[in-house]
PDB file of N, CA and C in Angstrom:
ATOM      1  N   HIS A   1     176.918-146.061 -86.531  1.00  0.00           N
ATOM      2  CA  HIS A   1     177.068-144.546 -86.810  1.00  0.00           C
ATOM      3  C   HIS A   1     176.943-143.881 -85.728  1.00  0.00           C
ATOM      4  N   SER A   2     175.896-144.117 -84.847  1.00  0.00           N
ATOM      5  CA  SER A   2     175.646-143.480 -83.730  1.00  0.00           C
ATOM      6  C   SER A   2     176.807-143.226 -82.525  1.00  0.00           C
ATOM      7  N   TYR A   3     177.650-144.119 -82.806  1.00  0.00           N
ATOM      8  CA  TYR A   3     178.844-144.220 -81.758  1.00  0.00           C
ATOM      9  C   TYR A   3     179.936-143.236 -82.280  1.00  0.00           C
ATOM     10  N   GLU A   4     179.690-142.742 -83.528  1.00  0.00           N
ATOM     11  CA  GLU A   4     180.630-141.864 -84.020  1.00  0.00           C
ATOM     12  C   GLU A   4     182.147-142.370 -84.211  1.00  0.00           C
ATOM     13  N   ILE A   5     182.245-143.614 -84.363  1.00  0.00           N
ATOM     14  CA  ILE A   5     183.595-144.235 -84.376  1.00  0.00           C
ATOM     15  C   ILE A   5     184.003-144.521 -85.978  1.00  0.00           C
ATOM     16  N   LEU A   6     182.893-144.912 -86.708  1.00  0.00           N
ATOM     17  CA  LEU A   6     183.022-145.454 -88.266  1.00  0.00           C
ATOM     18  C   LEU A   6     182.050-144.496 -89.034  1.00  0.00           C
ATOM     19  N   ASN A   7     182.357-144.207 -90.069  1.00  0.00           N
ATOM     20  CA  ASN A   7     181.367-143.652 -91.119  1.00  0.00           C
ATOM     21  C   ASN A   7     181.101-144.258 -92.292  1.00  0.00           C
ATOM     22  N   GLY A   8     180.096-143.795 -93.094  1.00  0.00           N
ATOM     23  CA  GLY A   8     179.814-144.261 -94.382  1.00  0.00           C
ATOM     24  C   GLY A   8     179.626-145.692 -94.575  1.00  0.00           C
ATOM     25  N   LEU A   9     180.207-146.156 -95.561  1.00  0.00           N
ATOM     26  CA  LEU A   9     180.030-147.633 -95.992  1.00  0.00           C
ATOM     27  C   LEU A   9     180.603-148.637 -95.066  1.00  0.00           C
ATOM     28  N   VAL A  10     181.669-148.216 -94.288  1.00  0.00           N
ATOM     29  CA  VAL A  10     182.355-148.752 -93.270  1.00  0.00           C
ATOM     30  C   VAL A  10     181.343-149.138 -92.103  1.00  0.00           C
ATOM     31  N   ALA A  11     180.733-148.076 -91.785  1.00  0.00           N
ATOM     32  CA  ALA A  11     179.698-148.084 -90.529  1.00  0.00           C
ATOM     33  C   ALA A  11     178.568-149.082 -90.997  1.00  0.00           C
ATOM     34  N   GLU A  12     178.183-148.901 -92.279  1.00  0.00           N
ATOM     35  CA  GLU A  12     176.985-149.592 -92.746  1.00  0.00           C
ATOM     36  C   GLU A  12     177.364-151.157 -92.870  1.00  0.00           C
ATOM     37  N   TRP A  13     178.605-151.457 -93.159  1.00  0.00           N
ATOM     38  CA  TRP A  13     179.173-152.846 -93.347  1.00  0.00           C
ATOM     39  C   TRP A  13     179.266-153.508 -92.112  1.00  0.00           C
ATOM     40  N   PHE A  14     179.674-152.810 -91.083  1.00  0.00           N
ATOM     41  CA  PHE A  14     179.891-153.231 -89.762  1.00  0.00           C
ATOM     42  C   PHE A  14     178.260-153.688 -89.121  1.00  0.00           C
ATOM     43  N   ALA A  15     177.380-152.695 -89.233  1.00  0.00           N
ATOM     44  CA  ALA A  15     176.046-152.778 -88.837  1.00  0.00           C
ATOM     45  C   ALA A  15     175.379-154.007 -89.301  1.00  0.00           C
ATOM     46  N   LYS A  16     175.697-154.339 -90.633  1.00  0.00           N
ATOM     47  CA  LYS A  16     175.080-155.654 -91.263  1.00  0.00           C
ATOM     48  C   LYS A  16     175.782-156.772 -90.819  1.00  0.00           C
ATOM     49  N   VAL A  17     177.103-156.896 -90.780  1.00  0.00           N
ATOM     50  CA  VAL A  17     177.799-158.030 -90.678  1.00  0.00           C
ATOM     51  C   VAL A  17     178.124-158.531 -89.140  1.00  0.00           C
ATOM     52  N   MET A  18     178.328-157.499 -88.433  1.00  0.00           N
ATOM     53  CA  MET A  18     178.498-157.913 -86.882  1.00  0.00           C
ATOM     54  C   MET A  18     177.483-158.663 -86.191  1.00  0.00           C
ATOM     55  N   PRO A  19     176.325-158.321 -86.390  1.00  0.00           N
ATOM     56  CA  PRO A  19     175.131-159.106 -85.696  1.00  0.00           C
ATOM     57  C   PRO A  19     175.104-160.599 -86.074  1.00  0.00           C
ATOM     58  N   TRP A  20     175.519-160.698 -87.396  1.00  0.00           N
ATOM     59  CA  TRP A  20     175.387-162.087 -87.974  1.00  0.00           C
ATOM     60  C   TRP A  20     176.517-162.969 -87.509  1.00  0.00           C
ATOM     61  N   ALA A  21     177.756-162.329 -87.508  1.00  0.00           N
ATOM     62  CA  ALA A  21     179.026-162.916 -86.963  1.00  0.00           C
ATOM     63  C   ALA A  21     178.645-163.137 -85.407  1.00  0.00           C
ATOM     64  N   GLU A  22     178.148-162.326 -84.792  1.00  0.00           N
ATOM     65  CA  GLU A  22     177.988-162.641 -83.336  1.00  0.00           C
ATOM     66  C   GLU A  22     176.982-163.687 -83.094  1.00  0.00           C
ATOM     67  N   PHE A  23     176.048-163.744 -83.968  1.00  0.00           N
ATOM     68  CA  PHE A  23     174.923-164.775 -83.937  1.00  0.00           C
ATOM     69  C   PHE A  23     175.703-166.260 -84.190  1.00  0.00           C
ATOM     70  N   PHE A  24     176.426-166.246 -85.330  1.00  0.00           N
ATOM     71  CA  PHE A  24     176.994-167.553 -85.642  1.00  0.00           C
ATOM     72  C   PHE A  24     178.162-167.969 -84.670  1.00  0.00           C
ATOM     73  N   LEU A  25     178.877-167.110 -84.205  1.00  0.00           N
ATOM     74  CA  LEU A  25     179.806-167.556 -83.207  1.00  0.00           C
ATOM     75  C   LEU A  25     179.205-167.863 -81.912  1.00  0.00           C
ATOM     76  N   GLY A  26     178.116-167.127 -81.455  1.00  0.00           N
ATOM     77  CA  GLY A  26     177.249-167.550 -80.297  1.00  0.00           C
ATOM     78  C   GLY A  26     176.736-169.101 -80.600  1.00  0.00           C
ATOM     79  N   VAL A  27     176.266-169.490 -81.728  1.00  0.00           N
ATOM     80  CA  VAL A  27     175.644-170.837 -81.835  1.00  0.00           C
ATOM     81  C   VAL A  27     176.841-171.762 -81.841  1.00  0.00           C
ATOM     82  N   PHE A  28     178.029-171.484 -82.406  1.00  0.00           N
ATOM     83  CA  PHE A  28     179.315-172.326 -82.293  1.00  0.00           C
ATOM     84  C   PHE A  28     179.726-172.526 -80.821  1.00  0.00           C
ATOM     85  N   LEU A  29     179.634-171.459 -80.026  1.00  0.00           N
ATOM     86  CA  LEU A  29     179.999-171.510 -78.740  1.00  0.00           C
ATOM     87  C   LEU A  29     178.971-172.339 -77.882  1.00  0.00           C
ATOM     88  N   ILE A  30     177.608-172.245 -78.162  1.00  0.00           N
ATOM     89  CA  ILE A  30     176.804-173.094 -77.418  1.00  0.00           C
ATOM     90  C   ILE A  30     176.924-174.641 -77.792  1.00  0.00           C
ATOM     91  N   LEU A  31     177.021-174.909 -79.105  1.00  0.00           N
ATOM     92  CA  LEU A  31     177.226-176.310 -79.427  1.00  0.00           C
ATOM     93  C   LEU A  31     178.542-176.727 -79.004  1.00  0.00           C
ATOM     94  N   GLY A  32     179.638-175.993 -78.727  1.00  0.00           N
ATOM     95  CA  GLY A  32     180.824-176.257 -78.539  1.00  0.00           C
ATOM     96  C   GLY A  32     181.690-176.881 -79.740  1.00  0.00           C
ATOM     97  N   LEU A  33     181.301-176.298 -80.914  1.00  0.00           N
ATOM     98  CA  LEU A  33     181.949-176.730 -82.153  1.00  0.00           C
ATOM     99  C   LEU A  33     182.832-175.377 -82.559  1.00  0.00           C
ATOM    100  N   TRP A  34     184.123-175.772 -82.954  1.00  0.00           N
ATOM    101  CA  TRP A  34     185.158-174.897 -83.153  1.00  0.00           C
ATOM    102  C   TRP A  34     185.177-174.013 -81.917  1.00  0.00           C
ATOM    103  N   LEU A  35     185.265-174.567 -80.883  1.00  0.00           N
ATOM    104  CA  LEU A  35     185.078-173.952 -79.416  1.00  0.00           C
ATOM    105  C   LEU A  35     186.130-172.714 -79.355  1.00  0.00           C
ATOM    106  N   ARG A  36     187.390-172.926 -79.481  1.00  0.00           N
ATOM    107  CA  ARG A  36     188.305-172.010 -79.177  1.00  0.00           C
ATOM    108  C   ARG A  36     188.181-170.866 -79.994  1.00  0.00           C
ATOM    109  N   PRO A  37     187.975-170.912 -81.560  1.00  0.00           N
ATOM    110  CA  PRO A  37     187.852-169.967 -82.342  1.00  0.00           C
ATOM    111  C   PRO A  37     186.561-169.077 -82.013  1.00  0.00           C
ATOM    112  N   ALA A  38     185.632-169.649 -81.605  1.00  0.00           N
ATOM    113  CA  ALA A  38     184.305-169.073 -81.317  1.00  0.00           C
ATOM    114  C   ALA A  38     184.274-168.315 -80.050  1.00  0.00           C
ATOM    115  N   LEU A  39     185.133-168.903 -78.965  1.00  0.00           N
ATOM    116  CA  LEU A  39     185.218-168.134 -77.769  1.00  0.00           C
ATOM    117  C   LEU A  39     185.990-166.892 -77.955  1.00  0.00           C
ATOM    118  N   LEU A  40     187.173-166.955 -78.684  1.00  0.00           N
ATOM    119  CA  LEU A  40     187.953-165.868 -78.839  1.00  0.00           C
ATOM    120  C   LEU A  40     187.443-164.898 -79.666  1.00  0.00           C
ATOM    121  N   GLY A  41     186.667-165.292 -80.883  1.00  0.00           N
ATOM    122  CA  GLY A  41     185.989-164.368 -81.616  1.00  0.00           C
ATOM    123  C   GLY A  41     184.898-163.377 -80.977  1.00  0.00           C
ATOM    124  N   LEU A  42     184.121-164.158 -79.974  1.00  0.00           N
ATOM    125  CA  LEU A  42     183.193-163.376 -79.253  1.00  0.00           C
ATOM    126  C   LEU A  42     183.999-162.733 -78.178  1.00  0.00           C
ATOM    127  N   TRP A  43     185.072-163.014 -77.676  1.00  0.00           N
ATOM    128  CA  TRP A  43     185.631-162.091 -76.724  1.00  0.00           C
ATOM    129  C   TRP A  43     186.210-160.970 -77.179  1.00  0.00           C
ATOM    130  N   ALA A  44     186.747-161.077 -78.682  1.00  0.00           N
ATOM    131  CA  ALA A  44     187.295-159.980 -79.210  1.00  0.00           C
ATOM    132  C   ALA A  44     186.218-158.976 -79.566  1.00  0.00           C
ATOM    133  N   MET A  45     185.055-159.549 -80.059  1.00  0.00           N
ATOM    134  CA  MET A  45     183.810-158.640 -80.330  1.00  0.00           C
ATOM    135  C   MET A  45     183.386-157.878 -79.200  1.00  0.00           C
ATOM    136  N   ASN A  46     183.318-158.792 -78.011  1.00  0.00           N
ATOM    137  CA  ASN A  46     182.804-158.082 -76.822  1.00  0.00           C
ATOM    138  C   ASN A  46     183.865-157.127 -76.413  1.00  0.00           C
ATOM    139  N   THR A  47     185.025-157.161 -76.411  1.00  0.00           N
ATOM    140  CA  THR A  47     186.165-156.259 -76.076  1.00  0.00           C
ATOM    141  C   THR A  47     185.864-155.043 -76.884  1.00  0.00           C
ATOM    142  N   MET A  48     185.589-154.982 -78.227  1.00  0.00           N
ATOM    143  CA  MET A  48     185.472-153.989 -79.103  1.00  0.00           C
ATOM    144  C   MET A  48     184.230-153.044 -78.723  1.00  0.00           C
ATOM    145  N   PHE A  49     183.043-153.907 -78.321  1.00  0.00           N
ATOM    146  CA  PHE A  49     181.870-153.337 -77.940  1.00  0.00           C
ATOM    147  C   PHE A  49     182.156-152.448 -76.651  1.00  0.00           C
ATOM    148  N   ILE A  50     182.699-153.114 -75.728  1.00  0.00           N
ATOM    149  CA  ILE A  50     183.005-152.276 -74.249  1.00  0.00           C
ATOM    150  C   ILE A  50     183.660-151.018 -74.501  1.00  0.00           C
ATOM    151  N   ALA A  51     184.756-151.077 -75.641  1.00  0.00           N
ATOM    152  CA  ALA A  51     185.519-149.930 -75.861  1.00  0.00           C
ATOM    153  C   ALA A  51     184.567-148.930 -76.712  1.00  0.00           C
ATOM    154  N   ALA A  52     183.878-149.509 -77.521  1.00  0.00           N
ATOM    155  CA  ALA A  52     182.917-148.365 -78.178  1.00  0.00           C
ATOM    156  C   ALA A  52     181.869-147.859 -77.304  1.00  0.00           C
ATOM    157  N   LEU A  53     181.394-148.490 -76.301  1.00  0.00           N
ATOM    158  CA  LEU A  53     180.344-148.049 -75.470  1.00  0.00           C
ATOM    159  C   LEU A  53     181.088-147.091 -74.448  1.00  0.00           C
ATOM    160  N   SER A  54     182.148-147.491 -73.841  1.00  0.00           N
ATOM    161  CA  SER A  54     182.845-146.640 -72.895  1.00  0.00           C
ATOM    162  C   SER A  54     183.310-145.237 -73.611  1.00  0.00           C
ATOM    163  N   SER A  55     183.727-145.402 -74.804  1.00  0.00           N
ATOM    164  CA  SER A  55     184.061-144.258 -75.613  1.00  0.00           C
ATOM    165  C   SER A  55     182.915-143.148 -75.648  1.00  0.00           C
ATOM    166  N   ALA A  56     181.812-143.731 -76.174  1.00  0.00           N
ATOM    167  CA  ALA A  56     180.582-142.959 -76.217  1.00  0.00           C
ATOM    168  C   ALA A  56     180.141-142.357 -74.859  1.00  0.00           C
ATOM    169  N   MET A  57     180.217-143.129 -73.887  1.00  0.00           N
ATOM    170  CA  MET A  57     179.833-142.605 -72.561  1.00  0.00           C
ATOM    171  C   MET A  57     180.824-141.464 -72.129  1.00  0.00           C
ATOM    172  N   ILE A  58     182.044-141.631 -72.128  1.00  0.00           N
ATOM    173  CA  ILE A  58     183.147-140.607 -71.780  1.00  0.00           C
ATOM    174  C   ILE A  58     182.705-139.335 -72.745  1.00  0.00           C
ATOM    175  N   ARG A  59     182.523-139.523 -74.184  1.00  0.00           N
ATOM    176  CA  ARG A  59     182.150-138.394 -74.906  1.00  0.00           C
ATOM    177  C   ARG A  59     180.885-137.740 -74.765  1.00  0.00           C
ATOM    178  N   LYS A  60     180.080-138.366 -73.856  1.00  0.00           N
ATOM    179  CA  LYS A  60     178.784-137.893 -73.685  1.00  0.00           C
ATOM    180  C   LYS A  60     177.948-137.819 -75.021  1.00  0.00           C
ATOM    181  N   LEU A  61     177.981-138.934 -75.814  1.00  0.00           N
ATOM    182  CA  LEU A  61     177.245-138.820 -76.947  1.00  0.00           C
ATOM    183  C   LEU A  61     175.657-139.050 -76.554  1.00  0.00           C
ATOM    184  N   PRO A  62     174.880-138.305 -77.280  1.00  0.00           N
ATOM    185  CA  PRO A  62     173.187-138.464 -76.896  1.00  0.00           C
ATOM    186  C   PRO A  62     172.609-139.801 -77.251  1.00  0.00           C
ATOM    187  N   LEU A  63     173.151-140.708 -76.724  1.00  0.00           N
ATOM    188  CA  LEU A  63     172.645-142.139 -76.876  1.00  0.00           C
ATOM    189  C   LEU A  63     171.860-142.573 -75.669  1.00  0.00           C
ATOM    190  N   GLN A  64     170.501-142.873 -75.927  1.00  0.00           N
ATOM    191  CA  GLN A  64     169.904-143.328 -74.626  1.00  0.00           C
ATOM    192  C   GLN A  64     170.012-144.808 -74.336  1.00  0.00           C
ATOM    193  N   GLU A  65     170.352-145.578 -75.344  1.00  0.00           N
ATOM    194  CA  GLU A  65     170.552-147.087 -75.212  1.00  0.00           C
ATOM    195  C   GLU A  65     171.423-147.573 -76.287  1.00  0.00           C
ATOM    196  N   CYS A  66     171.839-148.808 -76.243  1.00  0.00           N
ATOM    197  CA  CYS A  66     172.780-149.192 -77.089  1.00  0.00           C
ATOM    198  C   CYS A  66     172.387-149.627 -78.596  1.00  0.00           C
ATOM    199  N   GLY A  67     171.049-149.879 -78.845  1.00  0.00           N
ATOM    200  CA  GLY A  67     170.389-150.282 -79.979  1.00  0.00           C
ATOM    201  C   GLY A  67     170.716-151.875 -80.432  1.00  0.00           C
ATOM    202  N   CYS A  68     171.132-152.541 -79.354  1.00  0.00           N
ATOM    203  CA  CYS A  68     171.426-154.036 -79.596  1.00  0.00           C
ATOM    204  C   CYS A  68     170.160-154.762 -79.699  1.00  0.00           C
ATOM    205  N   PHE A  69     169.202-154.571 -79.212  1.00  0.00           N
ATOM    206  CA  PHE A  69     168.073-155.416 -79.189  1.00  0.00           C
ATOM    207  C   PHE A  69     166.735-154.835 -79.818  1.00  0.00           C
ATOM    208  N   GLY A  70     166.872-153.839 -80.571  1.00  0.00           N
ATOM    209  CA  GLY A  70     165.955-153.287 -81.203  1.00  0.00           C
ATOM    210  C   GLY A  70     164.824-152.485 -80.383  1.00  0.00           C
ATOM    211  N   GLU A  71     163.737-152.570 -80.598  1.00  0.00           N
ATOM    212  CA  GLU A  71     162.671-151.920 -79.971  1.00  0.00           C
ATOM    213  C   GLU A  71     162.102-152.710 -78.962  1.00  0.00           C
ATOM    214  N   SER A  72     162.309-154.009 -78.825  1.00  0.00           N
ATOM    215  CA  SER A  72     161.795-154.982 -77.812  1.00  0.00           C
ATOM    216  C   SER A  72     162.388-155.099 -76.547  1.00  0.00           C
ATOM    217  N   PHE A  73     163.647-154.330 -76.406  1.00  0.00           N
ATOM    218  CA  PHE A  73     164.143-154.534 -75.205  1.00  0.00           C
ATOM    219  C   PHE A  73     165.271-153.470 -74.931  1.00  0.00           C
ATOM    220  N   SER A  74     165.408-152.593 -73.994  1.00  0.00           N
ATOM    221  CA  SER A  74     166.074-151.578 -73.709  1.00  0.00           C
ATOM    222  C   SER A  74     166.760-151.294 -72.577  1.00  0.00           C
ATOM    223  N   LEU A  75     167.954-151.023 -72.289  1.00  0.00           N
ATOM    224  CA  LEU A  75     168.634-150.849 -71.061  1.00  0.00           C
ATOM    225  C   LEU A  75     169.429-149.568 -71.284  1.00  0.00           C
ATOM    226  N   PRO A  76     169.725-148.774 -70.158  1.00  0.00           N
ATOM    227  CA  PRO A  76     170.388-147.749 -70.268  1.00  0.00           C
ATOM    228  C   PRO A  76     171.999-148.234 -70.501  1.00  0.00           C
ATOM    229  N   LEU A  77     172.727-147.226 -70.903  1.00  0.00           N
ATOM    230  CA  LEU A  77     174.042-147.479 -71.408  1.00  0.00           C
ATOM    231  C   LEU A  77     174.841-148.183 -70.230  1.00  0.00           C
ATOM    232  N   TYR A  78     174.870-147.614 -69.096  1.00  0.00           N
ATOM    233  CA  TYR A  78     175.602-147.875 -68.035  1.00  0.00           C
ATOM    234  C   TYR A  78     175.355-149.492 -67.586  1.00  0.00           C
ATOM    235  N   GLN A  79     174.037-149.787 -67.745  1.00  0.00           N
ATOM    236  CA  GLN A  79     173.571-151.315 -67.689  1.00  0.00           C
ATOM    237  C   GLN A  79     174.075-152.046 -68.559  1.00  0.00           C
ATOM    238  N   ILE A  80     174.115-151.735 -69.675  1.00  0.00           N
ATOM    239  CA  ILE A  80     174.670-152.467 -71.033  1.00  0.00           C
ATOM    240  C   ILE A  80     176.229-152.610 -70.834  1.00  0.00           C
ATOM    241  N   LEU A  81     176.845-151.584 -70.294  1.00  0.00           N
ATOM    242  CA  LEU A  81     178.300-151.803 -69.977  1.00  0.00           C
ATOM    243  C   LEU A  81     178.603-152.846 -68.872  1.00  0.00           C
ATOM    244  N   ILE A  82     177.873-152.770 -67.858  1.00  0.00           N
ATOM    245  CA  ILE A  82     178.042-153.661 -66.711  1.00  0.00           C
ATOM    246  C   ILE A  82     177.838-155.154 -67.291  1.00  0.00           C
ATOM    247  N   LEU A  83     176.650-155.367 -67.994  1.00  0.00           N
ATOM    248  CA  LEU A  83     176.352-156.704 -68.515  1.00  0.00           C
ATOM    249  C   LEU A  83     177.675-157.003 -69.534  1.00  0.00           C
ATOM    250  N   ASP A  84     177.959-156.209 -70.152  1.00  0.00           N
ATOM    251  CA  ASP A  84     179.081-156.703 -71.218  1.00  0.00           C
ATOM    252  C   ASP A  84     180.346-157.041 -70.410  1.00  0.00           C
ATOM    253  N   ILE A  85     180.543-156.187 -69.343  1.00  0.00           N
ATOM    254  CA  ILE A  85     181.904-156.471 -68.527  1.00  0.00           C
ATOM    255  C   ILE A  85     181.564-157.898 -67.961  1.00  0.00           C
ATOM    256  N   VAL A  86     180.476-158.261 -67.388  1.00  0.00           N
ATOM    257  CA  VAL A  86     180.212-159.551 -66.832  1.00  0.00           C
ATOM    258  C   VAL A  86     180.387-160.662 -67.866  1.00  0.00           C
ATOM    259  N   ILE A  87     180.038-160.350 -69.147  1.00  0.00           N
ATOM    260  CA  ILE A  87     180.154-161.266 -70.175  1.00  0.00           C
ATOM    261  C   ILE A  87     181.543-161.508 -70.455  1.00  0.00           C
ATOM    262  N   TRP A  88     182.232-160.297 -70.514  1.00  0.00           N
ATOM    263  CA  TRP A  88     183.691-160.253 -70.612  1.00  0.00           C
ATOM    264  C   TRP A  88     184.467-161.342 -69.824  1.00  0.00           C
ATOM    265  N   LEU A  89     184.202-161.152 -68.431  1.00  0.00           N
ATOM    266  CA  LEU A  89     184.761-161.963 -67.471  1.00  0.00           C
ATOM    267  C   LEU A  89     184.300-163.404 -67.557  1.00  0.00           C
ATOM    268  N   LEU A  90     183.182-163.645 -67.886  1.00  0.00           N
ATOM    269  CA  LEU A  90     182.764-165.043 -68.388  1.00  0.00           C
ATOM    270  C   LEU A  90     183.722-165.727 -69.463  1.00  0.00           C
ATOM    271  N   PHE A  91     183.912-164.845 -70.445  1.00  0.00           N
ATOM    272  CA  PHE A  91     184.947-165.402 -71.555  1.00  0.00           C
ATOM    273  C   PHE A  91     186.174-165.554 -71.100  1.00  0.00           C
ATOM    274  N   MET A  92     186.762-164.773 -70.173  1.00  0.00           N
ATOM    275  CA  MET A  92     188.032-164.938 -69.585  1.00  0.00           C
ATOM    276  C   MET A  92     188.038-166.233 -68.759  1.00  0.00           C
ATOM    277  N   VAL A  93     186.982-166.487 -67.935  1.00  0.00           N
ATOM    278  CA  VAL A  93     187.086-167.811 -67.103  1.00  0.00           C
ATOM    279  C   VAL A  93     186.929-168.876 -68.063  1.00  0.00           C
ATOM    280  N   MET A  94     186.075-168.817 -69.101  1.00  0.00           N
ATOM    281  CA  MET A  94     186.105-170.078 -70.269  1.00  0.00           C
ATOM    282  C   MET A  94     187.328-170.273 -70.801  1.00  0.00           C
ATOM    283  N   THR A  95     188.118-169.185 -71.077  1.00  0.00           N
ATOM    284  CA  THR A  95     189.426-169.314 -71.741  1.00  0.00           C
ATOM    285  C   THR A  95     190.375-169.854 -70.790  1.00  0.00           C
ATOM    286  N   GLY A  96     190.332-169.310 -69.522  1.00  0.00           N
ATOM    287  CA  GLY A  96     191.326-169.773 -68.489  1.00  0.00           C
ATOM    288  C   GLY A  96     191.119-171.033 -68.221  1.00  0.00           C
ATOM    289  N   PHE A  97     190.033-171.580 -68.109  1.00  0.00           N
ATOM    290  CA  PHE A  97     189.717-173.022 -67.864  1.00  0.00           C
ATOM    291  C   PHE A  97     189.206-173.689 -69.062  1.00  0.00           C
ATOM    292  N   PHE A  98     189.897-173.531 -70.058  1.00  0.00           N
ATOM    293  CA  PHE A  98     189.548-174.067 -71.454  1.00  0.00           C
ATOM    294  C   PHE A  98     189.335-175.563 -71.358  1.00  0.00           C
ATOM    295  N   ASP A  99     190.239-176.343 -70.855  1.00  0.00           N
ATOM    296  CA  ASP A  99     190.124-177.747 -70.893  1.00  0.00           C
ATOM    297  C   ASP A  99     188.750-178.262 -70.214  1.00  0.00           C
ATOM    298  N   GLN A 100     188.285-177.486 -68.993  1.00  0.00           N
ATOM    299  CA  GLN A 100     187.056-177.936 -68.378  1.00  0.00           C
ATOM    300  C   GLN A 100     185.949-177.459 -69.279  1.00  0.00           C
ATOM    301  N   THR A 101     185.953-176.425 -69.912  1.00  0.00           N
ATOM    302  CA  THR A 101     185.162-175.790 -70.796  1.00  0.00           C
ATOM    303  C   THR A 101     184.856-176.629 -72.100  1.00  0.00           C
ATOM    304  N   ARG A 102     185.980-177.187 -72.518  1.00  0.00           N
ATOM    305  CA  ARG A 102     186.010-178.030 -73.724  1.00  0.00           C
ATOM    306  C   ARG A 102     185.407-179.304 -73.259  1.00  0.00           C
ATOM    307  N   SER A 103     185.552-179.886 -72.024  1.00  0.00           N
ATOM    308  CA  SER A 103     185.000-181.168 -71.678  1.00  0.00           C
ATOM    309  C   SER A 103     183.398-181.367 -72.137  1.00  0.00           C
ATOM    310  N   TRP A 104     182.697-180.266 -72.139  1.00  0.00           N
ATOM    311  CA  TRP A 104     181.318-180.349 -72.406  1.00  0.00           C
ATOM    312  C   TRP A 104     181.040-180.048 -73.908  1.00  0.00           C
ATOM    313  N   SER A 105     181.965-180.037 -74.775  1.00  0.00           N
ATOM    314  CA  SER A 105     181.769-179.581 -76.034  1.00  0.00           C
ATOM    315  C   SER A 105     181.497-180.529 -77.021  1.00  0.00           C
ATOM    316  N   LEU A 106     180.831-180.123 -78.246  1.00  0.00           N
ATOM    317  CA  LEU A 106     180.733-181.031 -79.360  1.00  0.00           C
ATOM    318  C   LEU A 106     182.149-181.443 -80.015  1.00  0.00           C
ATOM    319  N   ASP A 107     183.013-180.543 -79.827  1.00  0.00           N
ATOM    320  CA  ASP A 107     184.348-180.754 -80.477  1.00  0.00           C
ATOM    321  C   ASP A 107     184.884-182.111 -79.603  1.00  0.00           C
ATOM    322  N   LYS A 108     184.701-182.253 -78.304  1.00  0.00           N
ATOM    323  CA  LYS A 108     185.382-183.126 -77.525  1.00  0.00           C
ATOM    324  C   LYS A 108     184.607-184.476 -77.785  1.00  0.00           C
ATOM    325  N   LYS A 109     183.285-184.456 -78.030  1.00  0.00           N
ATOM    326  CA  LYS A 109     182.465-185.612 -78.468  1.00  0.00           C
ATOM    327  C   LYS A 109     182.957-186.168 -79.712  1.00  0.00           C
ATOM    328  N   LEU A 110     183.231-185.177 -80.765  1.00  0.00           N
ATOM    329  CA  LEU A 110     183.460-185.679 -82.102  1.00  0.00           C
ATOM    330  C   LEU A 110     184.871-186.289 -82.216  1.00  0.00           C
ATOM    331  N   GLU A 111     185.700-185.939 -81.287  1.00  0.00           N
ATOM    332  CA  GLU A 111     187.185-186.323 -81.151  1.00  0.00           C
ATOM    333  C   GLU A 111     187.278-187.708 -80.822  1.00  0.00           C
ATOM    334  N   GLY A 112     186.241-188.274 -80.106  1.00  0.00           N
ATOM    335  CA  GLY A 112     186.488-189.550 -79.775  1.00  0.00           C
ATOM    336  C   GLY A 112     186.180-189.878 -78.410  1.00  0.00           C
TER     337      GLY A 112
END
């Protein structure tokens, strides 16, 4: 809601669903289970967050931090944006070298 992109029930739904989707996709990525869908899902979510964060910064919304980590950890928006761009680039490398990425995965081990 603070990013002024979504309102009402849609914003509330996204706030409740997105962290869990990100968590489970992250677990799948770490395990290497359903690797391609997990990687592409996280990459898409990361792209959306970079767009939302960039939009908030361009519009000069009064956000002090992203709200991603609760009260336990806080970084300024520009540092979160840099971190997310680095993660986005890592997703790009993992996708570009998918065969090498997959060689360490649980998918590959279960395949035989």
